[in-house]
Amino acid sequence: MAVTLTESAARHIAAQLQRRGKGVGLRLGVRTSGCSGFAYQIDFAEQTDPADAAFESHGVKVFIDPKSLPFLEGTELDFVREGLNEGFKFNNPNVTASCGCGESFSV
């Protein structure tokens, strides 16, 4: 299974990478945190790591460390604007529950 980006997410990430002037793509991961168990990590990838799983979606490369991959397989990352708020939204089919504040999830 792959991790994919919507066109909106890919456009936003590509624009941010161009603005930064460096980076090879997006790095996604999970860490233990919050009341439900796990939280998403998102950052720019400055370089590739041979151990990472690598995906490309709408021309943007996405890198995921091997420990995070089972929690993120099949995930679609979207970038949404709702009123004055904007941000990434994870559409993760592995999630069985999430906390009320939306910051953490369980699988």
Protein backbone atom coordinates (compact mmCIF):
# COMPACT_ATOMS: atom_id res chain seq x y z
CA MET A 1 0.00 0.00 0.00
CA ALA A 2 1.08 3.53 -0.64
CA VAL A 3 0.82 6.81 1.18
CA THR A 4 -0.67 9.45 -1.12
CA LEU A 5 -1.20 13.19 -1.26
CA THR A 6 -4.21 15.02 -2.60
CA GLU A 7 -3.52 17.60 -5.31
CA SER A 8 -4.10 20.33 -2.73
CA ALA A 9 -1.52 18.85 -0.33
CA ALA A 10 1.01 18.31 -3.11
CA ARG A 11 0.64 21.92 -4.33
CA HIS A 12 1.08 23.27 -0.80
CA ILE A 13 4.13 21.11 -0.07
CA ALA A 14 5.77 21.90 -3.43
CA ALA A 15 5.24 25.63 -2.85
CA GLN A 16 6.76 25.39 0.65
CA LEU A 17 9.76 23.42 -0.63
CA GLN A 18 10.31 26.00 -3.35
CA ARG A 19 9.99 28.86 -0.86
CA ARG A 20 12.53 27.18 1.46
CA GLY A 21 14.93 26.60 -1.41
CA LYS A 22 15.98 23.24 -0.01
CA GLY A 23 14.62 19.81 0.83
CA VAL A 24 13.85 16.68 -1.17
CA GLY A 25 10.26 16.07 -0.07
CA LEU A 26 8.06 15.48 2.95
CA ARG A 27 8.86 13.23 5.91
CA LEU A 28 5.93 11.62 7.75
CA GLY A 29 6.02 9.57 10.93
CA VAL A 30 4.21 8.73 14.14
CA ARG A 31 5.31 9.00 17.74
CA THR A 32 3.85 7.85 21.03
CA SER A 33 1.87 10.76 22.44
CA GLY A 34 -1.47 12.10 23.53
CA CYS A 35 -4.42 10.49 25.19
CA SER A 36 -5.10 8.03 22.35
CA GLY A 37 -1.59 6.68 21.91
CA PHE A 38 0.00 8.11 18.74
CA ALA A 39 0.49 11.49 17.11
CA TYR A 40 1.52 12.35 13.56
CA GLN A 41 4.88 13.91 12.81
CA ILE A 42 5.36 15.96 9.69
CA ASP A 43 8.51 17.70 8.52
CA PHE A 44 10.50 18.47 5.42
CA ALA A 45 12.99 15.81 4.34
CA GLU A 46 16.40 17.38 3.88
CA GLN A 47 17.89 14.15 2.53
CA THR A 48 16.89 10.59 1.82
CA ASP A 49 17.58 7.68 4.16
CA PRO A 50 18.04 4.23 2.58
CA ALA A 51 15.86 2.70 5.32
CA ASP A 52 12.89 4.95 4.50
CA ALA A 53 9.93 3.86 2.43
CA ALA A 54 9.61 6.37 -0.41
CA PHE A 55 6.47 7.28 -2.32
CA GLU A 56 5.73 9.90 -4.93
CA SER A 57 2.35 11.53 -5.32
CA HIS A 58 1.50 14.37 -7.72
CA GLY A 59 5.24 14.99 -8.19
CA VAL A 60 6.07 15.28 -4.46
CA LYS A 61 8.20 12.69 -2.69
CA VAL A 62 7.07 11.35 0.70
CA PHE A 63 9.46 9.52 3.05
CA ILE A 64 8.41 7.33 5.99
CA ASP A 65 10.64 5.57 8.50
CA PRO A 66 10.16 1.77 8.78
CA LYS A 67 8.68 1.90 12.31
CA SER A 68 5.98 4.40 11.28
CA LEU A 69 5.02 2.75 7.99
CA PRO A 70 2.59 0.12 9.42
CA PHE A 71 0.60 2.92 11.09
CA LEU A 72 0.49 5.06 7.93
CA GLU A 73 -0.05 2.53 5.13
CA GLY A 74 -2.97 3.56 2.96
CA THR A 75 -3.08 7.10 4.37
CA GLU A 76 -4.06 10.03 2.19
CA LEU A 77 -2.71 13.41 3.29
CA ASP A 78 -4.87 16.39 2.38
CA PHE A 79 -4.40 20.13 2.85
CA VAL A 80 -7.66 21.83 3.74
CA ARG A 81 -8.85 25.38 4.36
CA GLU A 82 -11.86 25.85 6.60
CA GLY A 83 -12.71 29.48 7.24
CA LEU A 84 -9.60 31.17 8.61
CA ASN A 85 -7.94 27.84 9.46
CA GLU A 86 -5.78 25.74 7.18
CA GLY A 87 -3.73 22.64 7.71
CA PHE A 88 -3.04 19.03 6.90
CA LYS A 89 -5.68 16.38 7.38
CA PHE A 90 -4.71 12.71 7.62
CA ASN A 91 -7.24 10.31 6.11
CA ASN A 92 -5.83 7.17 7.72
CA PRO A 93 -7.77 3.89 7.28
CA ASN A 94 -5.83 2.30 10.17
CA VAL A 95 -7.22 4.62 12.86
CA THR A 96 -9.71 2.95 15.20
CA ALA A 97 -10.18 5.89 17.59
CA SER A 98 -9.00 9.45 18.08
CA CYS A 99 -9.06 11.86 20.98
CA GLY A 100 -11.54 14.70 21.24
CA CYS A 101 -8.98 17.36 20.42
CA GLY A 102 -7.88 15.49 17.27
CA GLU A 103 -4.18 15.51 18.19
CA SER A 104 -3.75 11.78 18.80
CA PHE A 105 -5.11 8.46 17.53
CA SER A 106 -5.01 4.72 18.15
CA VAL A 107 -4.83 1.77 15.77
